[in-house]
Amino acid sequence: MGGSKPAPAPQVIMPAPTAPTTYRSTVPLESYQDLAESMKRTEEEIAKIQEQRYQEVGTPADIGARQKGLGVREAAAYLASIPSGDKAIEKETGKTGVYQPVQQAAQQQLSEAQKEYAEALKKVGQKPTPTISDTPSWAKRTTA
């Protein structure tokens, strides 16, 4: 009965601890300046596209005036659709001017819509100015 010798236990070798290595990277100022120039070009391009959009669909003031004009037409159409009175209903109920409160409310709504439309027309042609920034301060700094 013979056998083989047992294998020796594995040995773990640990290297001696060393100080950690730190790295420092610096970004040159030119990189920040290039980024600032790129941002300015992007903002200018956005302003051109926005101007093109204003030419195609109008400025926000133009769009608002069109919406207010639509509100005036809606109010006028509603006022025109209210009956002026029905003799049969007046005889049956004994009341005259059954629709008068509704007509007054519709007339008031039309007047308010006309005022809002007049205010909106004063703003037609106003364009928001695009925001094109100057060189940011972080692109001008030389030290942190």
Protein backbone atom coordinates (compact mmCIF):
# COMPACT_ATOMS: atom_id res chain seq x y z
CA MET A 1 0.00 0.00 0.00
CA GLY A 2 1.84 2.76 -1.03
CA GLY A 3 0.75 6.10 -1.99
CA SER A 4 2.10 9.31 -3.21
CA LYS A 5 3.12 12.20 -1.09
CA PRO A 6 0.54 14.89 -0.65
CA ALA A 7 1.16 18.02 -2.70
CA PRO A 8 2.62 20.95 -0.79
CA ALA A 9 0.18 23.72 0.18
CA PRO A 10 0.05 26.63 -2.26
CA GLN A 11 2.08 29.65 -1.35
CA VAL A 12 0.66 33.15 -1.76
CA ILE A 13 3.22 35.81 -2.47
CA MET A 14 2.07 39.37 -1.73
CA PRO A 15 4.05 42.24 -3.22
CA ALA A 16 5.20 44.97 -0.88
CA PRO A 17 2.74 47.87 -0.73
CA THR A 18 3.72 50.94 -2.71
CA ALA A 19 2.41 54.47 -2.69
CA PRO A 20 -0.45 55.08 -5.12
CA THR A 21 0.38 56.84 -8.36
CA THR A 22 -1.56 60.03 -9.02
CA TYR A 23 -2.00 61.64 -12.38
CA ARG A 24 -2.84 65.22 -13.15
CA SER A 25 -4.14 66.30 -16.48
CA THR A 26 -4.41 69.86 -17.62
CA VAL A 27 -6.59 71.18 -20.37
CA PRO A 28 -4.99 73.99 -22.30
CA LEU A 29 -6.80 77.34 -22.45
CA GLU A 30 -7.02 76.99 -26.23
CA SER A 31 -9.40 74.06 -25.78
CA TYR A 32 -11.77 76.23 -23.76
CA GLN A 33 -11.51 79.02 -26.30
CA ASP A 34 -12.26 76.58 -29.12
CA LEU A 35 -15.31 75.36 -27.22
CA ALA A 36 -16.51 78.94 -26.70
CA GLU A 37 -16.13 79.68 -30.42
CA SER A 38 -18.01 76.51 -31.27
CA MET A 39 -20.83 77.50 -28.91
CA LYS A 40 -21.04 80.94 -30.52
CA ARG A 41 -21.21 79.43 -34.01
CA THR A 42 -23.97 77.09 -32.82
CA GLU A 43 -25.95 79.97 -31.31
CA GLU A 44 -25.60 81.98 -34.54
CA GLU A 45 -26.82 79.00 -36.57
CA ILE A 46 -29.80 78.58 -34.24
CA ALA A 47 -30.60 82.29 -34.68
CA LYS A 48 -30.56 81.89 -38.49
CA ILE A 49 -32.87 78.88 -38.30
CA GLN A 50 -35.19 80.75 -35.92
CA GLU A 51 -35.32 83.71 -38.32
CA GLN A 52 -36.21 81.33 -41.15
CA ARG A 53 -38.98 79.86 -38.99
CA TYR A 54 -40.35 83.35 -38.29
CA GLN A 55 -40.46 83.99 -42.04
CA GLU A 56 -42.33 80.75 -42.65
CA VAL A 57 -44.90 80.73 -39.83
CA GLY A 58 -44.60 84.15 -38.22
CA THR A 59 -43.31 85.43 -34.94
CA PRO A 60 -44.91 84.40 -31.66
CA ALA A 61 -46.71 87.78 -31.68
CA ASP A 62 -48.09 87.08 -35.18
CA ILE A 63 -49.28 83.64 -34.16
CA GLY A 64 -50.89 85.07 -31.03
CA ALA A 65 -52.72 87.73 -33.06
CA ARG A 66 -54.07 85.07 -35.40
CA GLN A 67 -55.31 83.07 -32.40
CA LYS A 68 -57.00 86.14 -30.91
CA GLY A 69 -58.65 86.84 -34.28
CA LEU A 70 -59.96 83.29 -34.26
CA GLY A 71 -61.37 83.94 -30.77
CA VAL A 72 -63.23 87.00 -32.08
CA ARG A 73 -64.73 84.98 -34.92
CA GLU A 74 -65.78 82.23 -32.49
CA ALA A 75 -67.46 84.71 -30.15
CA ALA A 76 -69.23 86.45 -33.06
CA ALA A 77 -70.44 83.11 -34.44
CA TYR A 78 -71.77 82.10 -31.01
CA LEU A 79 -73.57 85.43 -30.61
CA ALA A 80 -75.11 85.07 -34.08
CA SER A 81 -76.33 81.57 -33.29
CA ILE A 82 -78.41 82.63 -30.28
CA PRO A 83 -82.09 83.01 -31.23
CA SER A 84 -83.54 86.46 -30.80
CA GLY A 85 -86.76 85.18 -29.32
CA ASP A 86 -89.56 82.76 -29.98
CA LYS A 87 -93.16 83.96 -29.75
CA ALA A 88 -94.39 80.44 -28.95
CA ILE A 89 -92.03 80.10 -25.97
CA GLU A 90 -92.95 83.59 -24.77
CA LYS A 91 -96.67 82.70 -24.88
CA GLU A 92 -96.10 79.35 -23.18
CA THR A 93 -93.91 80.63 -20.35
CA GLY A 94 -95.32 84.11 -20.14
CA LYS A 95 -91.78 85.48 -20.15
CA THR A 96 -90.35 87.83 -22.70
CA GLY A 97 -86.66 88.11 -23.49
CA VAL A 98 -85.87 84.49 -22.55
CA TYR A 99 -82.61 84.61 -24.49
CA GLN A 100 -81.60 88.10 -23.40
CA PRO A 101 -79.20 87.03 -20.58
CA VAL A 102 -77.46 84.61 -22.93
CA GLN A 103 -77.22 87.28 -25.62
CA GLN A 104 -75.74 89.75 -23.14
CA ALA A 105 -73.15 87.23 -21.98
CA ALA A 106 -72.24 86.39 -25.58
CA GLN A 107 -71.98 90.10 -26.43
CA GLN A 108 -69.68 90.65 -23.44
CA GLN A 109 -67.53 87.70 -24.53
CA LEU A 110 -67.31 89.18 -28.04
CA SER A 111 -66.29 92.58 -26.64
CA GLU A 112 -63.53 91.02 -24.52
CA ALA A 113 -62.27 89.00 -27.48
CA GLN A 114 -62.15 92.16 -29.60
CA LYS A 115 -60.14 93.97 -26.92
CA GLU A 116 -57.66 91.08 -26.67
CA TYR A 117 -57.36 91.02 -30.45
CA ALA A 118 -56.64 94.78 -30.55
CA GLU A 119 -53.89 94.30 -27.92
CA ALA A 120 -52.42 91.41 -29.89
CA LEU A 121 -52.37 93.47 -33.08
CA LYS A 122 -50.20 96.08 -31.34
CA LYS A 123 -47.52 93.42 -30.81
CA VAL A 124 -47.48 92.11 -34.40
CA GLY A 125 -44.03 92.34 -35.93
CA GLN A 126 -42.17 92.10 -32.64
CA LYS A 127 -39.48 89.46 -32.76
CA PRO A 128 -37.73 87.96 -29.79
CA THR A 129 -34.03 88.68 -30.06
CA PRO A 130 -31.83 85.61 -30.24
CA THR A 131 -29.37 85.17 -27.41
CA ILE A 132 -25.85 85.02 -28.78
CA SER A 133 -23.47 85.11 -25.88
CA ASP A 134 -20.00 86.57 -25.80
CA THR A 135 -17.00 84.50 -24.89
CA PRO A 136 -17.78 82.91 -21.51
CA SER A 137 -15.59 83.80 -18.56
CA TRP A 138 -14.37 80.23 -18.22
CA ALA A 139 -12.78 80.50 -21.68
CA LYS A 140 -10.81 83.57 -20.66
CA ARG A 141 -9.29 82.35 -17.39
CA THR A 142 -5.62 81.49 -17.32
CA THR A 143 -5.53 79.80 -13.92
CA ALA A 144 -8.05 77.95 -11.84
